[in-house]
Each structure stands twice: as structure tokens, then as C-alpha cells.
């Protein structure tokens, strides 16, 4: 896998909800190589402060135009949100291993995408790929409140079946996205494959749920990173056969592979 380092002009850096932004830029090199679930390592300022880049998942790729969807959670992403149209963005990528969705055809499985909060960001890119081959793509989206629910209209426009939950009941069902997933699972309906991204507590609940039904599942993990290419060993997680790097071996893992008690 080739990794590119590019400096590109920002086409748009748009605030789409409270604390969430979408940056658009063009890169033919990255667009040609990018796969759903991979991420970009982004320099958030024009100086060495902050020193480390920030890993942000690829939200969408179309006609060499790349979108990243991110939430402001600290100084780095705060500086990134201040960039304007015409400013430059310094990007490394695509990095990591993405979702394995090719096996759906041979195994005759129906995809269910589960996104918690900003975790919906990489799942939109995956949904775009899936709707090219499947007419039954289900997307479950959860957040604490209505203003943090993202991408619903975009996913419906793709033709996805979309269901929403909020912890405060402000839109969709009153509950968590795991409550939505429970309604999709049954002992008779195991011909499914789940792709999930979101907070660790949500993923742990999904792990407990799918283990009951033995449903094939992949999860995208978030972890603080330094180098982003597997050299510094700063994003290690424990798996059943030892340890793996989220940046290099992930960020997507089979849900059965991860030792969830250590996260």
C-alpha cells in the first residue's frame, strides 16, 4: 500500500453541527488508493505546535474529491476548524486497514452499519461502496441528542434504510444505538454482517450482543496516535494472539479478535 504526503488547498471547511466540521480537498493520488475505514494523518497548523498530526477517518471520496468529517475535541482539531477555503492542508495517507466488505457477496450476508456520534464518519464512505452492490443496506445512527445526529439525509439519498436513536429522545427512538441493533437481531436472522464505529462503551455492548447471536462483525477503533504508520508502537491494543497497532494493523478489527476487557 502506497502512502502519500500531500499539501492541498482546502475547497471547503464547513460547520455542519455543534462542534462538527467537514473539510473538502482534492487529491487524485489519495482518492485512487483510499478504502472505507482508512484514515488520514493531518497536520493541524502551519507550525510545529501542536507537534503531532491528528488521525481522521476518510468520510467520502468522489471524483478525486476527498471529505473528512471531524469533531472538535481538543487544541489540534480546534486549530483545524479555523482553517478557511483557500488555506492549505498537509495530509498523509491513506493509512491503516479498512473494512473487509468484499466477502458479503460470497457469504450472502446483509450489511448493517452502526455509528455512534462522530463514528458515522467512516461508515458513510463504506455505505457508498455497499449500495453499488446491495439494495438492503441498513444504517443505525445513535447520539446523545438530535443536534449530534449526522448524515441521515445523505445516507437516505444513497438508498440506505436509516434508523436513529437519541439518549434524550429528541429524535428517533429514546435509547441507544445498541437498542436499535437488538431489534435487528434474532436467532432466525443471523445472515448479517455488522460494521461499527463509535465510542468504546458502545462497541463493548455490541460485542456482548453479537456474541449471543454469533453474528460476523467488524469494528473501527479510535486510539491516540503519534506516527500513524506503526513505527512508534504508541497505539497498541491487546488481541487474542498478542498485541496489534491500531494505526497499522487497524483501525478496523474483527470484533472477536479484540480483548475488550483491556480497553
Protein backbone atom coordinates (compact mmCIF):
# COMPACT_ATOMS: atom_id res chain seq x y z
CA UNK A 1 0.00 0.00 0.00
CA UNK A 2 1.40 3.36 -1.06
CA UNK A 3 1.28 6.26 1.39
CA UNK A 4 1.26 9.80 0.06
CA UNK A 5 2.15 13.06 1.74
CA UNK A 6 0.39 15.96 0.08
CA UNK A 7 -0.29 19.60 0.74
CA UNK A 8 -3.56 20.67 -0.81
CA UNK A 9 -5.82 23.68 -0.95
CA UNK A 10 -8.99 23.44 1.11
CA UNK A 11 -12.12 23.68 -1.02
CA UNK A 12 -14.43 23.95 1.98
CA UNK A 13 -14.27 23.73 5.76
CA UNK A 14 -17.91 23.82 6.78
CA UNK A 15 -19.50 23.65 10.21
CA UNK A 16 -22.31 21.10 9.92
CA UNK A 17 -23.43 20.85 13.55
CA UNK A 18 -22.33 21.94 17.01
CA UNK A 19 -18.60 21.21 17.13
CA UNK A 20 -18.54 19.15 13.90
CA UNK A 21 -16.93 20.21 10.62
CA UNK A 22 -16.42 18.83 7.13
CA UNK A 23 -13.24 19.59 5.17
CA UNK A 24 -13.13 19.04 1.41
CA UNK A 25 -10.00 18.95 -0.73
CA UNK A 26 -8.83 17.32 -3.95
CA UNK A 27 -6.10 14.69 -4.30
CA UNK A 28 -6.10 12.21 -7.16
CA UNK A 29 -3.33 10.13 -5.56
CA UNK A 30 -5.12 9.60 -2.27
CA UNK A 31 -8.51 9.19 -3.92
CA UNK A 32 -7.25 6.36 -6.11
CA UNK A 33 -5.92 4.39 -3.14
CA UNK A 34 -8.43 5.15 -0.37
CA UNK A 35 -10.68 2.43 1.04
CA UNK A 36 -13.55 2.70 3.54
CA UNK A 37 -12.26 2.55 7.10
CA UNK A 38 -8.84 4.03 6.35
CA UNK A 39 -7.74 7.37 7.78
CA UNK A 40 -5.62 10.40 7.03
CA UNK A 41 -2.92 11.80 9.33
CA UNK A 42 -3.41 15.55 9.29
CA UNK A 43 -1.17 18.44 10.35
CA UNK A 44 -3.47 20.84 12.16
CA UNK A 45 -1.39 24.01 11.95
CA UNK A 46 1.30 25.59 9.79
CA UNK A 47 3.83 25.37 12.64
CA UNK A 48 5.16 22.53 14.81
CA UNK A 49 2.70 23.40 17.56
CA UNK A 50 0.98 21.04 18.06
CA UNK A 51 3.75 18.67 17.05
CA UNK A 52 1.70 15.55 16.37
CA UNK A 53 -0.68 15.05 13.49
CA UNK A 54 -4.29 14.02 14.10
CA UNK A 55 -5.79 10.80 12.66
CA UNK A 56 -9.14 11.48 10.99
CA UNK A 57 -11.13 8.90 9.05
CA UNK A 58 -11.94 9.32 5.37
CA UNK A 59 -15.60 10.31 5.13
CA UNK A 60 -16.10 10.27 1.37
CA UNK A 61 -14.25 10.03 -1.94
CA UNK A 62 -15.79 11.05 -5.25
CA UNK A 63 -14.13 12.20 -8.47
CA UNK A 64 -10.79 12.80 -6.68
CA UNK A 65 -12.54 14.99 -4.08
CA UNK A 66 -11.98 13.83 -0.51
CA UNK A 67 -14.07 14.72 2.52
CA UNK A 68 -13.19 14.33 6.17
CA UNK A 69 -15.78 14.75 8.90
CA UNK A 70 -14.40 15.58 12.33
CA UNK A 71 -15.39 16.79 15.77
CA UNK A 72 -13.51 19.45 17.71
CA UNK A 73 -12.27 17.67 20.83
CA UNK A 74 -9.02 19.49 21.62
CA UNK A 75 -6.47 22.05 20.52
CA UNK A 76 -5.45 20.27 17.31
CA UNK A 77 -8.93 19.83 15.87
CA UNK A 78 -9.78 23.30 17.18
CA UNK A 79 -7.00 24.78 15.03
CA UNK A 80 -8.14 22.66 12.10
CA UNK A 81 -11.65 24.09 12.39
CA UNK A 82 -10.23 27.62 11.99
CA UNK A 83 -8.85 26.91 8.53
CA UNK A 84 -10.67 28.58 5.64
CA UNK A 85 -11.33 27.95 1.98
CA UNK A 86 -8.04 28.51 0.13
CA UNK A 87 -5.85 27.61 3.10
CA UNK A 88 -3.59 24.59 2.73
CA UNK A 89 -3.92 21.25 4.47
CA UNK A 90 -0.98 18.89 4.99
CA UNK A 91 -2.12 15.27 4.75
CA UNK A 92 -0.53 11.80 4.94
CA UNK A 93 -2.46 8.80 3.71
CA UNK A 94 -4.37 6.72 3.12
CA UNK A 95 -3.31 4.86 6.26
CA UNK A 96 -4.38 1.68 8.03
CA UNK A 97 -6.54 -1.26 7.06
CA UNK A 98 -10.16 -0.64 6.19
CA UNK A 99 -13.37 -2.67 6.27
CA UNK A 100 -13.48 -6.04 4.54
CA UNK A 101 -16.83 -5.91 2.77
CA UNK A 102 -16.00 -7.99 -0.30
CA UNK A 103 -16.93 -11.28 1.43
CA UNK A 104 -20.57 -10.22 1.73
CA UNK A 105 -21.26 -11.45 -1.80
CA UNK A 106 -19.90 -14.97 -1.36
CA UNK A 107 -21.40 -15.40 2.10
CA UNK A 108 -24.80 -13.95 1.14
CA UNK A 109 -24.80 -11.60 4.12
CA UNK A 110 -26.80 -8.40 4.59
CA UNK A 111 -24.85 -5.39 5.89
CA UNK A 112 -25.80 -3.37 8.97
CA UNK A 113 -23.75 -0.25 9.71
CA UNK A 114 -23.79 1.04 13.31
CA UNK A 115 -22.47 4.52 14.06
CA UNK A 116 -22.29 6.27 17.40
CA UNK A 117 -21.87 10.06 17.23
CA UNK A 118 -18.93 11.05 15.03
CA UNK A 119 -18.40 7.31 14.47
CA UNK A 120 -20.75 7.60 11.49
CA UNK A 121 -17.95 9.42 9.59
CA UNK A 122 -16.11 6.40 8.08
CA UNK A 123 -19.35 4.44 7.67
CA UNK A 124 -20.68 6.86 5.07
CA UNK A 125 -17.76 6.02 2.75
CA UNK A 126 -18.50 2.33 3.34
CA UNK A 127 -22.21 2.84 2.63
CA UNK A 128 -21.35 4.46 -0.70
CA UNK A 129 -19.44 1.35 -1.71
CA UNK A 130 -22.07 -1.08 -0.45
CA UNK A 131 -25.04 0.48 -2.25
CA UNK A 132 -23.26 -0.17 -5.54
CA UNK A 133 -23.89 -3.91 -4.97
CA UNK A 134 -26.65 -4.19 -2.37
CA UNK A 135 -30.18 -2.83 -2.15
CA UNK A 136 -30.63 -3.72 1.53
CA UNK A 137 -28.04 -1.60 3.36
CA UNK A 138 -29.22 -0.72 6.87
CA UNK A 139 -27.61 2.12 8.83
CA UNK A 140 -28.25 2.65 12.55
CA UNK A 141 -27.18 6.01 13.99
CA UNK A 142 -27.11 7.00 17.64
CA UNK A 143 -26.14 10.08 19.62
CA UNK A 144 -26.94 11.79 22.89
CA UNK A 145 -29.24 14.36 21.25
CA UNK A 146 -30.77 15.39 17.92
CA UNK A 147 -28.15 18.03 17.13
CA UNK A 148 -25.41 15.36 17.20
CA UNK A 149 -27.11 13.04 14.69
CA UNK A 150 -25.15 13.24 11.43
CA UNK A 151 -25.51 12.15 7.79
CA UNK A 152 -29.14 10.95 7.89
CA UNK A 153 -30.26 12.76 4.72
CA UNK A 154 -27.07 11.84 2.85
CA UNK A 155 -27.48 8.16 3.69
CA UNK A 156 -31.15 8.14 2.74
CA UNK A 157 -30.23 9.76 -0.56
CA UNK A 158 -27.91 6.80 -1.22
CA UNK A 159 -30.88 4.49 -0.75
CA UNK A 160 -29.97 3.19 2.69
CA UNK A 161 -32.56 2.17 5.26
CA UNK A 162 -31.77 4.53 8.15
CA UNK A 163 -32.88 4.31 11.79
CA UNK A 164 -31.99 6.82 14.50
CA UNK A 165 -31.81 6.82 18.30
CA UNK A 166 -31.02 9.51 20.86
CA UNK A 167 -30.35 9.18 24.56
CA UNK A 168 -32.71 12.06 25.35
CA UNK A 169 -35.44 11.03 22.90
CA UNK A 170 -35.19 14.28 20.93
CA UNK A 171 -35.36 12.35 17.64
CA UNK A 172 -35.79 8.70 16.67
CA UNK A 173 -36.27 6.17 19.44
CA UNK A 174 -35.46 7.06 23.03
CA UNK A 175 -32.40 4.93 23.77
CA UNK A 176 -29.02 3.91 22.42
CA UNK A 177 -27.99 2.70 19.01
CA UNK A 178 -27.40 -0.72 20.59
CA UNK A 179 -31.14 -0.79 21.36
CA UNK A 180 -31.74 -0.32 17.63
CA UNK A 181 -29.33 -3.13 16.82
CA UNK A 182 -31.09 -5.52 19.24
CA UNK A 183 -34.27 -5.13 17.21
CA UNK A 184 -32.42 -6.15 14.04
CA UNK A 185 -31.03 -9.37 15.53
CA UNK A 186 -32.74 -12.65 16.21
CA UNK A 187 -31.75 -16.34 16.28
CA UNK A 188 -33.50 -16.77 12.93
CA UNK A 189 -31.83 -13.75 11.34
CA UNK A 190 -28.09 -14.40 11.51
CA UNK A 191 -27.23 -13.83 7.85
CA UNK A 192 -25.92 -10.40 8.71
CA UNK A 193 -22.58 -8.62 8.87
CA UNK A 194 -22.14 -5.68 11.18
CA UNK A 195 -19.74 -2.79 10.64
CA UNK A 196 -19.48 -0.46 13.62
CA UNK A 197 -17.65 2.68 14.71
CA UNK A 198 -18.16 4.75 17.83
CA UNK A 199 -17.21 5.10 21.49
CA UNK A 200 -15.57 2.12 23.21
CA UNK A 201 -18.52 1.59 25.63
CA UNK A 202 -20.84 1.28 22.62
CA UNK A 203 -18.53 -1.20 20.90
CA UNK A 204 -18.27 -3.28 24.07
CA UNK A 205 -22.06 -3.52 24.22
CA UNK A 206 -22.16 -4.57 20.56
CA UNK A 207 -19.55 -7.24 21.28
CA UNK A 208 -21.69 -8.71 24.06
CA UNK A 209 -24.79 -8.59 21.86
CA UNK A 210 -23.33 -10.17 18.72
CA UNK A 211 -21.62 -12.92 20.72
CA UNK A 212 -25.08 -14.16 21.69
CA UNK A 213 -26.15 -14.42 18.05
CA UNK A 214 -22.72 -15.27 16.60
CA UNK A 215 -23.01 -12.51 14.01
CA UNK A 216 -19.92 -11.58 11.97
CA UNK A 217 -18.80 -8.08 12.96
CA UNK A 218 -16.02 -5.59 12.26
CA UNK A 219 -15.28 -2.52 14.37
CA UNK A 220 -13.23 0.60 13.77
CA UNK A 221 -11.29 1.64 16.87
CA UNK A 222 -10.10 5.07 17.91
CA UNK A 223 -6.77 5.44 19.67
CA UNK A 224 -4.32 8.27 20.32
CA UNK A 225 -1.55 8.05 17.71
CA UNK A 226 1.86 9.59 17.20
CA UNK A 227 3.48 8.41 13.96
CA UNK A 228 0.39 6.87 12.34
CA UNK A 229 2.46 4.32 10.40
CA UNK A 230 3.22 1.67 13.02
CA UNK A 231 6.76 2.70 13.92
CA UNK A 232 6.34 4.22 17.38
CA UNK A 233 4.13 1.48 18.89
CA UNK A 234 2.10 4.15 20.67
CA UNK A 235 -1.36 2.83 19.80
CA UNK A 236 -1.09 -0.80 20.90
CA UNK A 237 -4.16 -2.82 21.86
CA UNK A 238 -4.35 -6.35 23.23
CA UNK A 239 -5.82 -9.01 20.94
CA UNK A 240 -6.27 -12.76 21.34
CA UNK A 241 -2.90 -13.60 19.79
CA UNK A 242 -0.86 -10.83 21.38
CA UNK A 243 -0.78 -7.13 20.59
CA UNK A 244 -1.57 -5.07 17.50
CA UNK A 245 -1.18 -1.46 16.39
CA UNK A 246 -4.39 0.44 15.72
CA UNK A 247 -2.73 2.64 13.10
CA UNK A 248 -1.03 -0.12 11.10
CA UNK A 249 -2.96 -3.34 11.82
CA UNK A 250 -6.28 -1.49 12.20
CA UNK A 251 -8.12 0.72 12.76
CA UNK A 252 -10.62 -1.97 11.66
CA UNK A 253 -10.59 -5.28 13.55
CA UNK A 254 -12.76 -8.36 13.73
CA UNK A 255 -14.81 -7.87 16.89
CA UNK A 256 -13.88 -11.37 18.16
CA UNK A 257 -10.17 -10.57 17.90
CA UNK A 258 -10.15 -7.73 20.44
CA UNK A 259 -9.67 -8.23 24.20
CA UNK A 260 -12.41 -5.80 25.23
CA UNK A 261 -11.71 -6.04 28.96
CA UNK A 262 -8.42 -4.20 28.39
CA UNK A 263 -9.96 -1.20 26.63
